[in-house]
C-alpha cells in the first residue's frame, strides 16, 4: 500500500481506490506517518518530470564569467590607498569561493548505477506486450515493468513469489491502453529468495508472468 501513498497525496485515484487507501490508513500508523510527510510536498511532486530524474544538475550558468567580471571590476582599486587591500581581498575571496565551489562540484559523490537485471516476461493476452528489469535492494526486490496494451482504467496487481511459492504483494497500477506504461513495483522478498512475479487483472487472471 506504500506505493499508492504518492498518488493518494496528490488527489489521484478512483473513489474505490482512495477508499481502500483510507481503510488501510485507519489501521496502519506507519503509513499515516509517511503520508503526513508526503502531504507538504504535493506541490513539488506534482511538478516532477519523471523523464528528467536521472539528469545531473549543472552548475549555475555564467558563474565563471561573473567571477572574472567581478575581479576585473575590482582591479582599478589596487591603485588606491586603503581601499586597494580590501578590494583585492574581496576579489580573492570571490575567486577562492568560486574555485572551492567548482572543486566541490567535481568531487561530489556520484551514486553507483543501480544493478538492473533484465528478465523475460511471458504474456497470456495477445494485446499485451511487456518487458521488465529487477533491482535487488537491502529491503527486498524492485520490479521495473514496461508494457503496452494493459486495459485503460483497469487495476492490475503484481505479486512476487518467494522460494516457497508464497505470493507477496508488490503493488498495483492502472492500465493505460495502447500507450507505453512504466511503473516501479516493490516487494519485501529479497532477490535471492524471489522466484518470479505475476501480473493479475481485476478478475484474478494472470496476464503476464516471469521466472527469476
C-alpha atoms as a PDB file:
ATOM      1  CA  UNK A   1       0.000   0.000   0.000  1.00  0.00           C
ATOM      2  CA  UNK A   2       3.004   2.341   0.477  1.00  0.00           C
ATOM      3  CA  UNK A   3       3.436   2.678  -3.305  1.00  0.00           C
ATOM      4  CA  UNK A   4      -0.049   4.224  -3.506  1.00  0.00           C
ATOM      5  CA  UNK A   5       0.538   6.973  -0.926  1.00  0.00           C
ATOM      6  CA  UNK A   6       2.142   9.273  -3.516  1.00  0.00           C
ATOM      7  CA  UNK A   7      -0.821   9.410  -5.874  1.00  0.00           C
ATOM      8  CA  UNK A   8      -3.203   9.441  -2.900  1.00  0.00           C
ATOM      9  CA  UNK A   9      -1.485  12.561  -1.511  1.00  0.00           C
ATOM     10  CA  UNK A  10      -1.762  14.165  -4.953  1.00  0.00           C
ATOM     11  CA  UNK A  11      -5.524  13.532  -5.012  1.00  0.00           C
ATOM     12  CA  UNK A  12      -5.388  10.880  -7.742  1.00  0.00           C
ATOM     13  CA  UNK A  13      -7.158   7.526  -7.941  1.00  0.00           C
ATOM     14  CA  UNK A  14     -10.744   6.403  -8.328  1.00  0.00           C
ATOM     15  CA  UNK A  15     -13.165   6.738  -5.396  1.00  0.00           C
ATOM     16  CA  UNK A  16     -12.848   2.977  -4.796  1.00  0.00           C
ATOM     17  CA  UNK A  17      -9.044   3.104  -4.766  1.00  0.00           C
ATOM     18  CA  UNK A  18      -8.968   6.092  -2.441  1.00  0.00           C
ATOM     19  CA  UNK A  19     -11.457   4.386  -0.123  1.00  0.00           C
ATOM     20  CA  UNK A  20      -9.166   1.327   0.008  1.00  0.00           C
ATOM     21  CA  UNK A  21      -6.181   3.505   0.925  1.00  0.00           C
ATOM     22  CA  UNK A  22      -8.183   5.314   3.631  1.00  0.00           C
ATOM     23  CA  UNK A  23      -9.272   1.987   5.090  1.00  0.00           C
ATOM     24  CA  UNK A  24      -5.641   0.869   5.235  1.00  0.00           C
ATOM     25  CA  UNK A  25      -4.539   4.156   6.826  1.00  0.00           C
ATOM     26  CA  UNK A  26      -7.067   3.698   9.627  1.00  0.00           C
ATOM     27  CA  UNK A  27      -5.137   0.671  10.855  1.00  0.00           C
ATOM     28  CA  UNK A  28      -1.533   1.485   9.844  1.00  0.00           C
ATOM     29  CA  UNK A  29       0.332   4.104  11.876  1.00  0.00           C
ATOM     30  CA  UNK A  30       3.463   3.762   9.716  1.00  0.00           C
ATOM     31  CA  UNK A  31       1.615   4.672   6.510  1.00  0.00           C
ATOM     32  CA  UNK A  32      -0.183   7.531   8.257  1.00  0.00           C
ATOM     33  CA  UNK A  33       3.187   8.939   9.303  1.00  0.00           C
ATOM     34  CA  UNK A  34       4.582   8.548   5.792  1.00  0.00           C
ATOM     35  CA  UNK A  35       1.531  10.252   4.271  1.00  0.00           C
ATOM     36  CA  UNK A  36       1.930  13.126   6.741  1.00  0.00           C
ATOM     37  CA  UNK A  37       5.488  13.589   5.474  1.00  0.00           C
ATOM     38  CA  UNK A  38       4.403  13.490   1.826  1.00  0.00           C
ATOM     39  CA  UNK A  39       1.482  15.892   2.102  1.00  0.00           C
ATOM     40  CA  UNK A  40       3.576  19.116   2.408  1.00  0.00           C
ATOM     41  CA  UNK A  41       5.456  18.073  -0.747  1.00  0.00           C
ATOM     42  CA  UNK A  42       2.446  17.560  -3.011  1.00  0.00           C
ATOM     43  CA  UNK A  43       3.001  20.830  -4.870  1.00  0.00           C
ATOM     44  CA  UNK A  44       6.588  19.801  -5.680  1.00  0.00           C
ATOM     45  CA  UNK A  45       5.632  16.206  -6.506  1.00  0.00           C
ATOM     46  CA  UNK A  46       3.038  17.407  -8.997  1.00  0.00           C
ATOM     47  CA  UNK A  47       5.726  19.293 -10.916  1.00  0.00           C
ATOM     48  CA  UNK A  48       8.261  16.435 -11.132  1.00  0.00           C
ATOM     49  CA  UNK A  49       9.203  15.369 -14.660  1.00  0.00           C
ATOM     50  CA  UNK A  50       9.887  11.591 -14.470  1.00  0.00           C
ATOM     51  CA  UNK A  51      11.914  11.761 -17.688  1.00  0.00           C
ATOM     52  CA  UNK A  52      14.478  14.028 -16.007  1.00  0.00           C
ATOM     53  CA  UNK A  53      15.030  12.166 -12.731  1.00  0.00           C
ATOM     54  CA  UNK A  54      18.371  10.722 -13.907  1.00  0.00           C
ATOM     55  CA  UNK A  55      19.787  14.057 -15.093  1.00  0.00           C
ATOM     56  CA  UNK A  56      22.750  15.514 -13.185  1.00  0.00           C
ATOM     57  CA  UNK A  57      22.169  19.167 -12.209  1.00  0.00           C
ATOM     58  CA  UNK A  58      24.518  21.686 -13.852  1.00  0.00           C
ATOM     59  CA  UNK A  59      26.473  24.451 -12.043  1.00  0.00           C
ATOM     60  CA  UNK A  60      24.818  27.884 -12.152  1.00  0.00           C
ATOM     61  CA  UNK A  61      25.020  29.343 -15.646  1.00  0.00           C
ATOM     62  CA  UNK A  62      27.520  32.168 -16.066  1.00  0.00           C
ATOM     63  CA  UNK A  63      29.327  31.536 -12.762  1.00  0.00           C
ATOM     64  CA  UNK A  64      32.801  31.718 -14.324  1.00  0.00           C
ATOM     65  CA  UNK A  65      32.045  34.907 -16.282  1.00  0.00           C
ATOM     66  CA  UNK A  66      30.568  36.554 -13.189  1.00  0.00           C
ATOM     67  CA  UNK A  67      33.679  35.836 -11.117  1.00  0.00           C
ATOM     68  CA  UNK A  68      36.039  37.172 -13.807  1.00  0.00           C
ATOM     69  CA  UNK A  69      33.907  40.289 -14.282  1.00  0.00           C
ATOM     70  CA  UNK A  70      33.970  40.960 -10.529  1.00  0.00           C
ATOM     71  CA  UNK A  71      37.757  40.619 -10.424  1.00  0.00           C
ATOM     72  CA  UNK A  72      38.163  42.923 -13.450  1.00  0.00           C
ATOM     73  CA  UNK A  73      35.865  45.493 -11.879  1.00  0.00           C
ATOM     74  CA  UNK A  74      37.881  45.498  -8.654  1.00  0.00           C
ATOM     75  CA  UNK A  75      41.296  45.747 -10.380  1.00  0.00           C
ATOM     76  CA  UNK A  76      41.443  49.604 -10.663  1.00  0.00           C
ATOM     77  CA  UNK A  77      41.049  49.864  -6.902  1.00  0.00           C
ATOM     78  CA  UNK A  78      44.506  48.395  -6.460  1.00  0.00           C
ATOM     79  CA  UNK A  79      45.956  51.859  -7.118  1.00  0.00           C
ATOM     80  CA  UNK A  80      44.012  53.411  -4.296  1.00  0.00           C
ATOM     81  CA  UNK A  81      45.433  53.538  -0.790  1.00  0.00           C
ATOM     82  CA  UNK A  82      43.450  51.917   1.973  1.00  0.00           C
ATOM     83  CA  UNK A  83      40.707  50.524  -0.242  1.00  0.00           C
ATOM     84  CA  UNK A  84      43.068  48.649  -2.536  1.00  0.00           C
ATOM     85  CA  UNK A  85      43.835  45.959   0.005  1.00  0.00           C
ATOM     86  CA  UNK A  86      40.160  45.471   0.780  1.00  0.00           C
ATOM     87  CA  UNK A  87      39.315  45.278  -2.932  1.00  0.00           C
ATOM     88  CA  UNK A  88      41.982  42.672  -3.584  1.00  0.00           C
ATOM     89  CA  UNK A  89      40.871  40.701  -0.542  1.00  0.00           C
ATOM     90  CA  UNK A  90      37.244  40.759  -1.733  1.00  0.00           C
ATOM     91  CA  UNK A  91      38.253  39.634  -5.217  1.00  0.00           C
ATOM     92  CA  UNK A  92      40.405  36.886  -3.741  1.00  0.00           C
ATOM     93  CA  UNK A  93      37.537  35.701  -1.536  1.00  0.00           C
ATOM     94  CA  UNK A  94      35.210  35.558  -4.549  1.00  0.00           C
ATOM     95  CA  UNK A  95      37.808  33.682  -6.596  1.00  0.00           C
ATOM     96  CA  UNK A  96      38.560  31.210  -3.809  1.00  0.00           C
ATOM     97  CA  UNK A  97      34.866  30.652  -3.138  1.00  0.00           C
ATOM     98  CA  UNK A  98      34.238  30.019  -6.837  1.00  0.00           C
ATOM     99  CA  UNK A  99      37.198  27.655  -7.036  1.00  0.00           C
ATOM    100  CA  UNK A 100      36.002  25.848  -3.945  1.00  0.00           C
ATOM    101  CA  UNK A 101      32.515  25.545  -5.393  1.00  0.00           C
ATOM    102  CA  UNK A 102      33.912  24.142  -8.634  1.00  0.00           C
ATOM    103  CA  UNK A 103      36.210  21.700  -6.867  1.00  0.00           C
ATOM    104  CA  UNK A 104      33.413  20.607  -4.560  1.00  0.00           C
ATOM    105  CA  UNK A 105      31.097  20.167  -7.525  1.00  0.00           C
ATOM    106  CA  UNK A 106      33.578  17.994  -9.387  1.00  0.00           C
ATOM    107  CA  UNK A 107      34.414  15.994  -6.264  1.00  0.00           C
ATOM    108  CA  UNK A 108      30.797  15.438  -5.174  1.00  0.00           C
ATOM    109  CA  UNK A 109      29.914  11.774  -4.662  1.00  0.00           C
ATOM    110  CA  UNK A 110      28.024  10.300  -7.600  1.00  0.00           C
ATOM    111  CA  UNK A 111      25.955   7.225  -6.689  1.00  0.00           C
ATOM    112  CA  UNK A 112      26.725   3.993  -8.472  1.00  0.00           C
ATOM    113  CA  UNK A 113      24.180   2.982 -11.132  1.00  0.00           C
ATOM    114  CA  UNK A 114      21.562   0.507  -9.984  1.00  0.00           C
ATOM    115  CA  UNK A 115      22.290  -3.128 -10.930  1.00  0.00           C
ATOM    116  CA  UNK A 116      19.458  -3.709 -13.409  1.00  0.00           C
ATOM    117  CA  UNK A 117      18.787  -7.363 -14.247  1.00  0.00           C
ATOM    118  CA  UNK A 118      16.729  -7.806 -17.443  1.00  0.00           C
ATOM    119  CA  UNK A 119      14.205 -10.638 -17.184  1.00  0.00           C
ATOM    120  CA  UNK A 120      11.944 -12.300 -19.750  1.00  0.00           C
ATOM    121  CA  UNK A 121       8.201 -11.691 -19.409  1.00  0.00           C
ATOM    122  CA  UNK A 122       5.619 -14.158 -20.738  1.00  0.00           C
ATOM    123  CA  UNK A 123       2.240 -12.651 -21.636  1.00  0.00           C
ATOM    124  CA  UNK A 124      -1.027 -14.564 -21.668  1.00  0.00           C
ATOM    125  CA  UNK A 125      -3.049 -11.904 -23.522  1.00  0.00           C
ATOM    126  CA  UNK A 126      -2.308 -11.225 -27.178  1.00  0.00           C
ATOM    127  CA  UNK A 127      -2.858  -7.461 -26.893  1.00  0.00           C
ATOM    128  CA  UNK A 128      -0.258  -7.064 -24.133  1.00  0.00           C
ATOM    129  CA  UNK A 129       3.474  -6.555 -24.625  1.00  0.00           C
ATOM    130  CA  UNK A 130       5.761  -6.355 -21.607  1.00  0.00           C
ATOM    131  CA  UNK A 131       9.375  -6.410 -20.520  1.00  0.00           C
ATOM    132  CA  UNK A 132      10.981  -5.924 -17.121  1.00  0.00           C
ATOM    133  CA  UNK A 133      14.140  -5.399 -15.104  1.00  0.00           C
ATOM    134  CA  UNK A 134      14.585  -6.352 -11.469  1.00  0.00           C
ATOM    135  CA  UNK A 135      16.721  -4.437  -8.977  1.00  0.00           C
ATOM    136  CA  UNK A 136      17.973  -6.026  -5.736  1.00  0.00           C
ATOM    137  CA  UNK A 137      17.730  -3.887  -2.593  1.00  0.00           C
ATOM    138  CA  UNK A 138      18.541  -4.496   1.045  1.00  0.00           C
ATOM    139  CA  UNK A 139      14.821  -4.246   1.844  1.00  0.00           C
ATOM    140  CA  UNK A 140      13.555  -6.504  -0.986  1.00  0.00           C
ATOM    141  CA  UNK A 141      13.319  -6.546  -4.768  1.00  0.00           C
ATOM    142  CA  UNK A 142      12.092  -3.890  -7.195  1.00  0.00           C
ATOM    143  CA  UNK A 143      10.388  -4.803 -10.484  1.00  0.00           C
ATOM    144  CA  UNK A 144      10.594  -2.161 -13.218  1.00  0.00           C
ATOM    145  CA  UNK A 145       7.826  -3.050 -15.620  1.00  0.00           C
ATOM    146  CA  UNK A 146       7.408  -1.562 -19.095  1.00  0.00           C
ATOM    147  CA  UNK A 147       4.445  -2.587 -21.231  1.00  0.00           C
ATOM    148  CA  UNK A 148       1.670  -1.747 -23.650  1.00  0.00           C
ATOM    149  CA  UNK A 149      -1.876  -2.989 -24.105  1.00  0.00           C
ATOM    150  CA  UNK A 150      -2.993  -3.103 -20.465  1.00  0.00           C
ATOM    151  CA  UNK A 151      -6.693  -2.198 -20.497  1.00  0.00           C
ATOM    152  CA  UNK A 152      -7.133   1.512 -19.806  1.00  0.00           C
ATOM    153  CA  UNK A 153      -8.512   2.195 -16.337  1.00  0.00           C
ATOM    154  CA  UNK A 154      -8.300  -1.414 -15.167  1.00  0.00           C
ATOM    155  CA  UNK A 155      -6.447  -2.084 -11.917  1.00  0.00           C
ATOM    156  CA  UNK A 156      -3.686  -4.671 -12.139  1.00  0.00           C
ATOM    157  CA  UNK A 157      -1.863  -6.031  -9.137  1.00  0.00           C
ATOM    158  CA  UNK A 158       1.600  -7.556  -9.066  1.00  0.00           C
ATOM    159  CA  UNK A 159       2.851 -10.265  -6.727  1.00  0.00           C
ATOM    160  CA  UNK A 160       6.364 -11.627  -6.271  1.00  0.00           C
ATOM    161  CA  UNK A 161       6.673 -15.312  -5.359  1.00  0.00           C
ATOM    162  CA  UNK A 162       9.287 -16.469  -2.899  1.00  0.00           C
ATOM    163  CA  UNK A 163      11.151 -19.779  -2.827  1.00  0.00           C
ATOM    164  CA  UNK A 164       8.211 -21.431  -1.035  1.00  0.00           C
ATOM    165  CA  UNK A 165       5.810 -20.283  -3.762  1.00  0.00           C
ATOM    166  CA  UNK A 166       4.155 -17.739  -1.465  1.00  0.00           C
ATOM    167  CA  UNK A 167       2.829 -14.671  -3.361  1.00  0.00           C
ATOM    168  CA  UNK A 168       3.916 -11.399  -1.745  1.00  0.00           C
ATOM    169  CA  UNK A 169       2.222  -8.134  -2.871  1.00  0.00           C
ATOM    170  CA  UNK A 170       4.383  -5.762  -4.924  1.00  0.00           C
ATOM    171  CA  UNK A 171       1.826  -3.030  -5.650  1.00  0.00           C
ATOM    172  CA  UNK A 172      -0.836  -2.093  -8.190  1.00  0.00           C
ATOM    173  CA  UNK A 173      -1.097   0.011 -11.337  1.00  0.00           C
ATOM    174  CA  UNK A 174      -3.751   1.286 -13.738  1.00  0.00           C
ATOM    175  CA  UNK A 175      -3.674   0.202 -17.363  1.00  0.00           C
ATOM    176  CA  UNK A 176      -3.265   2.950 -19.958  1.00  0.00           C
ATOM    177  CA  UNK A 177      -4.348   1.119 -23.108  1.00  0.00           C
ATOM    178  CA  UNK A 178      -2.022   1.190 -26.127  1.00  0.00           C
ATOM    179  CA  UNK A 179       0.228   3.866 -24.587  1.00  0.00           C
ATOM    180  CA  UNK A 180       3.533   2.810 -23.040  1.00  0.00           C
ATOM    181  CA  UNK A 181       3.291   2.061 -19.344  1.00  0.00           C
ATOM    182  CA  UNK A 182       6.258   2.370 -16.960  1.00  0.00           C
ATOM    183  CA  UNK A 183       5.977   1.546 -13.279  1.00  0.00           C
ATOM    184  CA  UNK A 184       8.245   0.518 -10.412  1.00  0.00           C
ATOM    185  CA  UNK A 185       6.862  -2.166  -8.135  1.00  0.00           C
ATOM    186  CA  UNK A 186       8.375  -3.080  -4.780  1.00  0.00           C
ATOM    187  CA  UNK A 187       8.180  -6.269  -2.750  1.00  0.00           C
ATOM    188  CA  UNK A 188       9.693  -7.252   0.591  1.00  0.00           C
ATOM    189  CA  UNK A 189      11.016 -10.526  -0.892  1.00  0.00           C
ATOM    190  CA  UNK A 190      14.817 -10.423  -1.182  1.00  0.00           C
ATOM    191  CA  UNK A 191      16.207 -11.004  -4.670  1.00  0.00           C
ATOM    192  CA  UNK A 192      17.900 -14.273  -3.713  1.00  0.00           C
ATOM    193  CA  UNK A 193      14.567 -15.576  -2.397  1.00  0.00           C
ATOM    194  CA  UNK A 194      12.419 -14.342  -5.302  1.00  0.00           C
ATOM    195  CA  UNK A 195      11.494 -16.965  -7.904  1.00  0.00           C
ATOM    196  CA  UNK A 196       9.207 -14.889 -10.145  1.00  0.00           C
ATOM    197  CA  UNK A 197       6.417 -12.372 -10.364  1.00  0.00           C
ATOM    198  CA  UNK A 198       2.878 -12.296 -11.790  1.00  0.00           C
ATOM    199  CA  UNK A 199       0.642  -9.513 -13.117  1.00  0.00           C
ATOM    200  CA  UNK A 200      -3.013 -10.212 -12.295  1.00  0.00           C
ATOM    201  CA  UNK A 201      -6.022  -8.355 -13.695  1.00  0.00           C
ATOM    202  CA  UNK A 202      -9.148  -7.296 -11.804  1.00  0.00           C
ATOM    203  CA  UNK A 203     -10.771 -10.707 -12.383  1.00  0.00           C
ATOM    204  CA  UNK A 204      -7.812 -12.589 -10.922  1.00  0.00           C
ATOM    205  CA  UNK A 205      -6.424 -13.765 -14.281  1.00  0.00           C
ATOM    206  CA  UNK A 206      -2.658 -13.844 -14.706  1.00  0.00           C
ATOM    207  CA  UNK A 207      -1.953 -11.723 -17.799  1.00  0.00           C
ATOM    208  CA  UNK A 208       1.856 -11.678 -17.569  1.00  0.00           C
ATOM    209  CA  UNK A 209       4.496 -13.511 -15.569  1.00  0.00           C
ATOM    210  CA  UNK A 210       8.228 -14.016 -15.240  1.00  0.00           C
ATOM    211  CA  UNK A 211      10.525 -16.646 -13.784  1.00  0.00           C
ATOM    212  CA  UNK A 212      13.518 -15.152 -11.977  1.00  0.00           C
END
